[in-house]
């Protein structure tokens, strides 16, 4: 594990670094005013591969709460527990997060589950749900922004999904919605999606309906519109997402 030199960006108080974790790149945010409260954020990027690095809006929210953040580079892997050769031929994206990234967080900041809050955007939003739904006790706090829940609909369109899954039904079986356990779910989960998000809103709405019908507690905002599936919207809800994660981690800390 090695790090490169840090860099600062105008308007960002802390420092973004680029690091290497088990041969793969990740972006790391070190707050200038770290709260040293033993909590951190693990953020998963979307299909466009853009992390939070040098994003002034999200950086300001992380800084406000004194939260360090790590953004692994996952390629177009969809953050599932299925091998994606574009990401790695031997380890699945979710296994990489638990077996490589989580130990790195412990080594760098002395922070471990359940004090790691999950956030994600689009492909990464559903990936954060995947990780939290499968390992709810380890990751009880998750905020998913415009999560690409029904990614199976994109199987057969020339993406890495075509290699990962034989058909749409095989992909559907791996969606976050089907990983939800009625007796073991994250106690703090937030779903955010612009109703003008033409690709992903219906899937998020269906997931929210399933959570409701199952009696699973969650928070959501599926009414605010600020640009559809775009960074205008992602930045618009940044404060809501990071506030939610910070508050959730505080409540987890009290219970622990």
C-alpha atoms as a PDB file:
ATOM      1  CA  UNK A   1       0.000   0.000   0.000  1.00  0.00           C
ATOM      2  CA  UNK A   2       1.539   3.268  -1.038  1.00  0.00           C
ATOM      3  CA  UNK A   3       0.390   6.852  -1.412  1.00  0.00           C
ATOM      4  CA  UNK A   4       1.256   9.590  -3.819  1.00  0.00           C
ATOM      5  CA  UNK A   5       1.770  13.222  -2.925  1.00  0.00           C
ATOM      6  CA  UNK A   6      -1.366  15.040  -1.849  1.00  0.00           C
ATOM      7  CA  UNK A   7      -2.901  17.973  -3.649  1.00  0.00           C
ATOM      8  CA  UNK A   8      -5.258  20.748  -2.694  1.00  0.00           C
ATOM      9  CA  UNK A   9      -7.968  22.337  -4.793  1.00  0.00           C
ATOM     10  CA  UNK A  10      -9.267  25.889  -4.545  1.00  0.00           C
ATOM     11  CA  UNK A  11     -12.256  26.010  -2.236  1.00  0.00           C
ATOM     12  CA  UNK A  12     -11.496  22.662  -0.590  1.00  0.00           C
ATOM     13  CA  UNK A  13     -10.147  22.902   2.933  1.00  0.00           C
ATOM     14  CA  UNK A  14      -8.815  19.380   3.246  1.00  0.00           C
ATOM     15  CA  UNK A  15      -6.565  17.341   1.006  1.00  0.00           C
ATOM     16  CA  UNK A  16      -7.353  14.791  -1.695  1.00  0.00           C
ATOM     17  CA  UNK A  17      -4.733  12.093  -2.174  1.00  0.00           C
ATOM     18  CA  UNK A  18      -4.417   9.242  -4.619  1.00  0.00           C
ATOM     19  CA  UNK A  19      -3.414   5.924  -3.067  1.00  0.00           C
ATOM     20  CA  UNK A  20      -2.891   2.344  -4.121  1.00  0.00           C
ATOM     21  CA  UNK A  21      -4.705  -0.518  -2.425  1.00  0.00           C
ATOM     22  CA  UNK A  22      -3.700  -4.031  -3.479  1.00  0.00           C
ATOM     23  CA  UNK A  23      -2.611  -2.733  -6.878  1.00  0.00           C
ATOM     24  CA  UNK A  24      -5.705  -0.626  -7.503  1.00  0.00           C
ATOM     25  CA  UNK A  25      -6.201   3.128  -7.319  1.00  0.00           C
ATOM     26  CA  UNK A  26      -8.356   4.947  -4.783  1.00  0.00           C
ATOM     27  CA  UNK A  27      -8.939   8.612  -3.968  1.00  0.00           C
ATOM     28  CA  UNK A  28      -8.748   9.631  -0.318  1.00  0.00           C
ATOM     29  CA  UNK A  29      -9.990  12.763   1.429  1.00  0.00           C
ATOM     30  CA  UNK A  30      -8.196  13.911   4.569  1.00  0.00           C
ATOM     31  CA  UNK A  31     -10.197  16.664   6.328  1.00  0.00           C
ATOM     32  CA  UNK A  32      -8.284  19.733   7.456  1.00  0.00           C
ATOM     33  CA  UNK A  33     -10.402  19.739  10.602  1.00  0.00           C
ATOM     34  CA  UNK A  34     -10.640  16.040  11.376  1.00  0.00           C
ATOM     35  CA  UNK A  35     -13.086  15.286  14.162  1.00  0.00           C
ATOM     36  CA  UNK A  36     -11.056  12.182  15.092  1.00  0.00           C
ATOM     37  CA  UNK A  37     -14.305  10.494  16.097  1.00  0.00           C
ATOM     38  CA  UNK A  38     -13.454   7.111  14.660  1.00  0.00           C
ATOM     39  CA  UNK A  39     -15.791   7.354  11.656  1.00  0.00           C
ATOM     40  CA  UNK A  40     -15.219   7.391   7.910  1.00  0.00           C
ATOM     41  CA  UNK A  41     -17.065   7.289   4.593  1.00  0.00           C
ATOM     42  CA  UNK A  42     -16.608   4.701   1.855  1.00  0.00           C
ATOM     43  CA  UNK A  43     -17.925   6.115  -1.417  1.00  0.00           C
ATOM     44  CA  UNK A  44     -18.574   4.117  -4.589  1.00  0.00           C
ATOM     45  CA  UNK A  45     -18.489   5.897  -7.947  1.00  0.00           C
ATOM     46  CA  UNK A  46     -20.889   5.596 -10.845  1.00  0.00           C
ATOM     47  CA  UNK A  47     -20.561   4.129 -14.337  1.00  0.00           C
ATOM     48  CA  UNK A  48     -18.866   7.307 -15.513  1.00  0.00           C
ATOM     49  CA  UNK A  49     -15.970   6.479 -13.118  1.00  0.00           C
ATOM     50  CA  UNK A  50     -16.000   9.952 -11.543  1.00  0.00           C
ATOM     51  CA  UNK A  51     -15.235   9.834  -7.815  1.00  0.00           C
ATOM     52  CA  UNK A  52     -15.679  12.659  -5.303  1.00  0.00           C
ATOM     53  CA  UNK A  53     -12.045  13.719  -5.787  1.00  0.00           C
ATOM     54  CA  UNK A  54     -11.776  17.504  -5.980  1.00  0.00           C
ATOM     55  CA  UNK A  55     -15.558  17.889  -5.838  1.00  0.00           C
ATOM     56  CA  UNK A  56     -16.023  21.081  -3.798  1.00  0.00           C
ATOM     57  CA  UNK A  57     -19.622  20.334  -2.801  1.00  0.00           C
ATOM     58  CA  UNK A  58     -19.061  16.878  -1.338  1.00  0.00           C
ATOM     59  CA  UNK A  59     -15.661  17.876   0.037  1.00  0.00           C
ATOM     60  CA  UNK A  60     -17.260  20.743   1.960  1.00  0.00           C
ATOM     61  CA  UNK A  61     -19.802  18.368   3.503  1.00  0.00           C
ATOM     62  CA  UNK A  62     -17.123  15.852   4.484  1.00  0.00           C
ATOM     63  CA  UNK A  63     -15.091  18.703   5.948  1.00  0.00           C
ATOM     64  CA  UNK A  64     -18.047  20.055   7.891  1.00  0.00           C
ATOM     65  CA  UNK A  65     -18.397  16.733   9.664  1.00  0.00           C
ATOM     66  CA  UNK A  66     -14.665  16.029   9.888  1.00  0.00           C
ATOM     67  CA  UNK A  67     -15.145  12.765   7.998  1.00  0.00           C
ATOM     68  CA  UNK A  68     -12.307  11.153   6.051  1.00  0.00           C
ATOM     69  CA  UNK A  69     -13.457   9.480   2.855  1.00  0.00           C
ATOM     70  CA  UNK A  70     -12.123   6.837   0.501  1.00  0.00           C
ATOM     71  CA  UNK A  71     -13.279   6.359  -3.099  1.00  0.00           C
ATOM     72  CA  UNK A  72     -11.955   3.134  -4.668  1.00  0.00           C
ATOM     73  CA  UNK A  73     -11.749   2.925  -8.444  1.00  0.00           C
ATOM     74  CA  UNK A  74     -14.002   0.033  -9.477  1.00  0.00           C
ATOM     75  CA  UNK A  75     -14.125   0.427 -13.265  1.00  0.00           C
ATOM     76  CA  UNK A  76     -17.516  -0.527 -14.749  1.00  0.00           C
ATOM     77  CA  UNK A  77     -17.848  -3.471 -12.386  1.00  0.00           C
ATOM     78  CA  UNK A  78     -21.300  -2.607 -11.004  1.00  0.00           C
ATOM     79  CA  UNK A  79     -19.923  -3.285  -7.520  1.00  0.00           C
ATOM     80  CA  UNK A  80     -21.410  -6.777  -7.313  1.00  0.00           C
ATOM     81  CA  UNK A  81     -20.154 -10.101  -5.975  1.00  0.00           C
ATOM     82  CA  UNK A  82     -19.575 -11.341  -9.524  1.00  0.00           C
ATOM     83  CA  UNK A  83     -16.204 -11.353 -11.274  1.00  0.00           C
ATOM     84  CA  UNK A  84     -15.828  -8.475 -13.740  1.00  0.00           C
ATOM     85  CA  UNK A  85     -12.669  -8.833 -15.826  1.00  0.00           C
ATOM     86  CA  UNK A  86     -12.520  -5.106 -16.473  1.00  0.00           C
ATOM     87  CA  UNK A  87     -12.037  -4.760 -12.704  1.00  0.00           C
ATOM     88  CA  UNK A  88     -10.137  -7.939 -11.780  1.00  0.00           C
ATOM     89  CA  UNK A  89     -10.078 -11.544 -13.052  1.00  0.00           C
ATOM     90  CA  UNK A  90      -9.762 -13.109  -9.590  1.00  0.00           C
ATOM     91  CA  UNK A  91     -11.553 -11.044  -6.934  1.00  0.00           C
ATOM     92  CA  UNK A  92     -15.084  -9.678  -7.057  1.00  0.00           C
ATOM     93  CA  UNK A  93     -15.665  -5.959  -6.430  1.00  0.00           C
ATOM     94  CA  UNK A  94     -17.518  -6.574  -3.145  1.00  0.00           C
ATOM     95  CA  UNK A  95     -14.831  -8.974  -1.913  1.00  0.00           C
ATOM     96  CA  UNK A  96     -12.202  -6.365  -2.775  1.00  0.00           C
ATOM     97  CA  UNK A  97     -14.041  -3.757  -0.703  1.00  0.00           C
ATOM     98  CA  UNK A  98     -14.328  -6.019   2.363  1.00  0.00           C
ATOM     99  CA  UNK A  99     -10.971  -7.777   2.107  1.00  0.00           C
ATOM    100  CA  UNK A 100      -8.734  -4.964   0.848  1.00  0.00           C
ATOM    101  CA  UNK A 101     -10.358  -1.547   1.269  1.00  0.00           C
ATOM    102  CA  UNK A 102     -11.808  -2.045   4.763  1.00  0.00           C
ATOM    103  CA  UNK A 103      -8.424  -3.233   6.162  1.00  0.00           C
ATOM    104  CA  UNK A 104      -6.794  -0.228   4.488  1.00  0.00           C
ATOM    105  CA  UNK A 105      -9.225   2.088   6.297  1.00  0.00           C
ATOM    106  CA  UNK A 106      -8.325   0.381   9.577  1.00  0.00           C
ATOM    107  CA  UNK A 107      -4.620   0.763   8.843  1.00  0.00           C
ATOM    108  CA  UNK A 108      -4.818   4.395   7.772  1.00  0.00           C
ATOM    109  CA  UNK A 109      -7.340   5.795  10.240  1.00  0.00           C
ATOM    110  CA  UNK A 110      -7.871   3.056  12.841  1.00  0.00           C
ATOM    111  CA  UNK A 111     -11.533   2.900  11.828  1.00  0.00           C
ATOM    112  CA  UNK A 112     -13.460  -0.322  11.314  1.00  0.00           C
ATOM    113  CA  UNK A 113     -17.056  -1.477  10.762  1.00  0.00           C
ATOM    114  CA  UNK A 114     -19.663  -0.577  11.836  1.00  0.00           C
ATOM    115  CA  UNK A 115     -18.141   2.932  11.890  1.00  0.00           C
ATOM    116  CA  UNK A 116     -17.768   3.099   8.108  1.00  0.00           C
ATOM    117  CA  UNK A 117     -20.700   4.802   6.401  1.00  0.00           C
ATOM    118  CA  UNK A 118     -21.478   3.975   2.785  1.00  0.00           C
ATOM    119  CA  UNK A 119     -22.390   6.418   0.040  1.00  0.00           C
ATOM    120  CA  UNK A 120     -22.640   5.914  -3.694  1.00  0.00           C
ATOM    121  CA  UNK A 121     -23.909   7.498  -6.869  1.00  0.00           C
ATOM    122  CA  UNK A 122     -25.726   5.692  -9.717  1.00  0.00           C
ATOM    123  CA  UNK A 123     -23.862   2.394 -10.277  1.00  0.00           C
ATOM    124  CA  UNK A 124     -22.124   3.109  -6.985  1.00  0.00           C
ATOM    125  CA  UNK A 125     -25.402   3.859  -5.248  1.00  0.00           C
ATOM    126  CA  UNK A 126     -26.687   0.364  -5.952  1.00  0.00           C
ATOM    127  CA  UNK A 127     -23.231  -0.954  -5.027  1.00  0.00           C
ATOM    128  CA  UNK A 128     -23.463   0.703  -1.626  1.00  0.00           C
ATOM    129  CA  UNK A 129     -26.858  -0.942  -1.161  1.00  0.00           C
ATOM    130  CA  UNK A 130     -25.402  -4.287  -2.280  1.00  0.00           C
ATOM    131  CA  UNK A 131     -22.698  -4.097   0.376  1.00  0.00           C
ATOM    132  CA  UNK A 132     -25.039  -2.897   3.090  1.00  0.00           C
ATOM    133  CA  UNK A 133     -27.830  -5.382   2.335  1.00  0.00           C
ATOM    134  CA  UNK A 134     -25.454  -8.335   2.253  1.00  0.00           C
ATOM    135  CA  UNK A 135     -23.503  -7.285   5.367  1.00  0.00           C
ATOM    136  CA  UNK A 136     -25.961  -5.176   7.329  1.00  0.00           C
ATOM    137  CA  UNK A 137     -24.211  -5.544  10.683  1.00  0.00           C
ATOM    138  CA  UNK A 138     -20.902  -4.413   9.241  1.00  0.00           C
ATOM    139  CA  UNK A 139     -22.404  -1.537   7.253  1.00  0.00           C
ATOM    140  CA  UNK A 140     -25.581  -0.339   8.988  1.00  0.00           C
ATOM    141  CA  UNK A 141     -25.392   3.180   7.513  1.00  0.00           C
ATOM    142  CA  UNK A 142     -25.901   3.760   3.787  1.00  0.00           C
ATOM    143  CA  UNK A 143     -26.997   6.680   1.604  1.00  0.00           C
ATOM    144  CA  UNK A 144     -27.680   5.806  -2.044  1.00  0.00           C
ATOM    145  CA  UNK A 145     -27.905   8.659  -4.533  1.00  0.00           C
ATOM    146  CA  UNK A 146     -29.756   7.862  -7.789  1.00  0.00           C
ATOM    147  CA  UNK A 147     -28.923   4.168  -7.352  1.00  0.00           C
ATOM    148  CA  UNK A 148     -28.967   2.085 -10.537  1.00  0.00           C
ATOM    149  CA  UNK A 149     -31.049  -0.593  -8.828  1.00  0.00           C
ATOM    150  CA  UNK A 150     -32.430  -2.294 -11.943  1.00  0.00           C
ATOM    151  CA  UNK A 151     -29.102  -2.610 -13.732  1.00  0.00           C
ATOM    152  CA  UNK A 152     -30.232  -5.912 -15.245  1.00  0.00           C
ATOM    153  CA  UNK A 153     -32.132  -3.854 -17.828  1.00  0.00           C
ATOM    154  CA  UNK A 154     -28.777  -2.809 -19.262  1.00  0.00           C
ATOM    155  CA  UNK A 155     -27.525  -6.366 -19.752  1.00  0.00           C
ATOM    156  CA  UNK A 156     -27.156  -7.017 -23.475  1.00  0.00           C
ATOM    157  CA  UNK A 157     -26.204  -3.450 -24.390  1.00  0.00           C
ATOM    158  CA  UNK A 158     -22.465  -3.925 -24.867  1.00  0.00           C
ATOM    159  CA  UNK A 159     -21.375  -3.197 -21.293  1.00  0.00           C
ATOM    160  CA  UNK A 160     -19.265  -5.437 -19.021  1.00  0.00           C
ATOM    161  CA  UNK A 161     -22.616  -6.707 -17.720  1.00  0.00           C
ATOM    162  CA  UNK A 162     -22.786  -8.836 -20.891  1.00  0.00           C
ATOM    163  CA  UNK A 163     -19.703 -10.780 -19.842  1.00  0.00           C
ATOM    164  CA  UNK A 164     -20.714 -10.947 -16.199  1.00  0.00           C
ATOM    165  CA  UNK A 165     -24.204 -12.368 -16.790  1.00  0.00           C
ATOM    166  CA  UNK A 166     -25.638 -14.810 -19.305  1.00  0.00           C
ATOM    167  CA  UNK A 167     -28.908 -12.908 -19.587  1.00  0.00           C
ATOM    168  CA  UNK A 168     -31.103 -10.282 -17.926  1.00  0.00           C
ATOM    169  CA  UNK A 169     -32.606 -12.762 -15.467  1.00  0.00           C
ATOM    170  CA  UNK A 170     -29.174 -13.837 -14.239  1.00  0.00           C
ATOM    171  CA  UNK A 171     -28.339 -10.157 -13.723  1.00  0.00           C
ATOM    172  CA  UNK A 172     -31.648  -9.503 -11.951  1.00  0.00           C
ATOM    173  CA  UNK A 173     -30.849 -12.196  -9.411  1.00  0.00           C
ATOM    174  CA  UNK A 174     -27.812 -10.146  -8.346  1.00  0.00           C
ATOM    175  CA  UNK A 175     -29.590  -6.797  -7.979  1.00  0.00           C
ATOM    176  CA  UNK A 176     -29.608  -5.120  -4.576  1.00  0.00           C
ATOM    177  CA  UNK A 177     -33.362  -5.542  -4.222  1.00  0.00           C
ATOM    178  CA  UNK A 178     -32.987  -9.323  -4.163  1.00  0.00           C
ATOM    179  CA  UNK A 179     -30.168  -9.173  -1.575  1.00  0.00           C
ATOM    180  CA  UNK A 180     -32.399  -7.529   1.023  1.00  0.00           C
ATOM    181  CA  UNK A 181     -32.967  -9.748   4.071  1.00  0.00           C
ATOM    182  CA  UNK A 182     -36.244  -9.140   5.945  1.00  0.00           C
ATOM    183  CA  UNK A 183     -34.627  -9.843   9.327  1.00  0.00           C
ATOM    184  CA  UNK A 184     -31.169  -8.369   8.776  1.00  0.00           C
ATOM    185  CA  UNK A 185     -31.176  -4.970   7.140  1.00  0.00           C
ATOM    186  CA  UNK A 186     -29.198  -1.738   7.590  1.00  0.00           C
ATOM    187  CA  UNK A 187     -30.762   0.319  10.364  1.00  0.00           C
ATOM    188  CA  UNK A 188     -29.941   3.612   8.671  1.00  0.00           C
ATOM    189  CA  UNK A 189     -30.615   3.772   4.951  1.00  0.00           C
ATOM    190  CA  UNK A 190     -31.455   6.700   2.715  1.00  0.00           C
ATOM    191  CA  UNK A 191     -32.677   6.572  -0.882  1.00  0.00           C
ATOM    192  CA  UNK A 192     -32.409   9.703  -3.012  1.00  0.00           C
ATOM    193  CA  UNK A 193     -33.492   9.967  -6.640  1.00  0.00           C
ATOM    194  CA  UNK A 194     -34.718  12.718  -8.930  1.00  0.00           C
ATOM    195  CA  UNK A 195     -38.179  11.836 -10.323  1.00  0.00           C
ATOM    196  CA  UNK A 196     -36.878  13.007 -13.721  1.00  0.00           C
ATOM    197  CA  UNK A 197     -34.196  10.301 -13.682  1.00  0.00           C
ATOM    198  CA  UNK A 198     -35.565   8.375 -16.668  1.00  0.00           C
ATOM    199  CA  UNK A 199     -33.257   5.366 -16.333  1.00  0.00           C
ATOM    200  CA  UNK A 200     -33.328   4.602 -12.638  1.00  0.00           C
ATOM    201  CA  UNK A 201     -36.260   6.251 -10.868  1.00  0.00           C
ATOM    202  CA  UNK A 202     -38.739   3.402 -11.366  1.00  0.00           C
ATOM    203  CA  UNK A 203     -36.343   0.876  -9.862  1.00  0.00           C
ATOM    204  CA  UNK A 204     -35.708   3.059  -6.828  1.00  0.00           C
ATOM    205  CA  UNK A 205     -39.429   3.585  -6.419  1.00  0.00           C
ATOM    206  CA  UNK A 206     -40.011  -0.188  -6.520  1.00  0.00           C
ATOM    207  CA  UNK A 207     -37.283  -0.746  -3.943  1.00  0.00           C
ATOM    208  CA  UNK A 208     -38.874   1.855  -1.661  1.00  0.00           C
ATOM    209  CA  UNK A 209     -42.221   0.105  -2.078  1.00  0.00           C
ATOM    210  CA  UNK A 210     -40.665  -3.229  -1.111  1.00  0.00           C
ATOM    211  CA  UNK A 211     -39.063  -1.676   1.962  1.00  0.00           C
ATOM    212  CA  UNK A 212     -42.409  -0.203   2.959  1.00  0.00           C
ATOM    213  CA  UNK A 213     -44.324  -3.430   2.476  1.00  0.00           C
ATOM    214  CA  UNK A 214     -41.675  -5.360   4.423  1.00  0.00           C
ATOM    215  CA  UNK A 215     -41.838  -2.975   7.365  1.00  0.00           C
ATOM    216  CA  UNK A 216     -38.167  -2.037   6.944  1.00  0.00           C
ATOM    217  CA  UNK A 217     -37.271   1.406   8.210  1.00  0.00           C
ATOM    218  CA  UNK A 218     -35.680   3.823   5.747  1.00  0.00           C
ATOM    219  CA  UNK A 219     -35.694   7.437   4.699  1.00  0.00           C
ATOM    220  CA  UNK A 220     -36.104   8.738   1.176  1.00  0.00           C
ATOM    221  CA  UNK A 221     -36.591  11.757  -1.011  1.00  0.00           C
ATOM    222  CA  UNK A 222     -38.064  10.781  -4.363  1.00  0.00           C
ATOM    223  CA  UNK A 223     -39.689  14.160  -5.015  1.00  0.00           C
ATOM    224  CA  UNK A 224     -36.888  16.723  -5.187  1.00  0.00           C
ATOM    225  CA  UNK A 225     -35.915  17.479  -8.770  1.00  0.00           C
ATOM    226  CA  UNK A 226     -32.682  19.250  -9.659  1.00  0.00           C
ATOM    227  CA  UNK A 227     -31.457  18.116 -13.045  1.00  0.00           C
ATOM    228  CA  UNK A 228     -32.329  14.449 -13.416  1.00  0.00           C
ATOM    229  CA  UNK A 229     -29.448  11.971 -13.463  1.00  0.00           C
ATOM    230  CA  UNK A 230     -26.690  14.552 -13.355  1.00  0.00           C
ATOM    231  CA  UNK A 231     -24.074  16.104 -11.105  1.00  0.00           C
ATOM    232  CA  UNK A 232     -26.417  19.057 -10.673  1.00  0.00           C
ATOM    233  CA  UNK A 233     -28.707  16.699  -8.778  1.00  0.00           C
ATOM    234  CA  UNK A 234     -25.942  14.713  -7.052  1.00  0.00           C
ATOM    235  CA  UNK A 235     -24.405  17.919  -5.684  1.00  0.00           C
ATOM    236  CA  UNK A 236     -27.844  19.255  -4.773  1.00  0.00           C
ATOM    237  CA  UNK A 237     -28.441  16.339  -2.390  1.00  0.00           C
ATOM    238  CA  UNK A 238     -24.864  16.065  -1.106  1.00  0.00           C
ATOM    239  CA  UNK A 239     -25.635  17.797   2.201  1.00  0.00           C
ATOM    240  CA  UNK A 240     -28.651  15.551   2.827  1.00  0.00           C
ATOM    241  CA  UNK A 241     -26.624  12.412   2.130  1.00  0.00           C
ATOM    242  CA  UNK A 242     -23.566  13.284   4.219  1.00  0.00           C
ATOM    243  CA  UNK A 243     -25.690  14.657   7.075  1.00  0.00           C
ATOM    244  CA  UNK A 244     -27.595  11.375   7.099  1.00  0.00           C
ATOM    245  CA  UNK A 245     -24.431   9.293   7.179  1.00  0.00           C
ATOM    246  CA  UNK A 246     -22.834  11.409   9.907  1.00  0.00           C
ATOM    247  CA  UNK A 247     -25.962  11.198  12.057  1.00  0.00           C
ATOM    248  CA  UNK A 248     -26.315   7.467  11.452  1.00  0.00           C
ATOM    249  CA  UNK A 249     -22.719   6.791  12.434  1.00  0.00           C
ATOM    250  CA  UNK A 250     -23.221   8.873  15.580  1.00  0.00           C
ATOM    251  CA  UNK A 251     -26.215   6.730  16.547  1.00  0.00           C
ATOM    252  CA  UNK A 252     -24.269   3.539  15.810  1.00  0.00           C
ATOM    253  CA  UNK A 253     -21.416   4.815  17.967  1.00  0.00           C
ATOM    254  CA  UNK A 254     -23.758   5.347  20.884  1.00  0.00           C
ATOM    255  CA  UNK A 255     -25.080   1.805  20.609  1.00  0.00           C
ATOM    256  CA  UNK A 256     -21.595   0.337  20.313  1.00  0.00           C
END
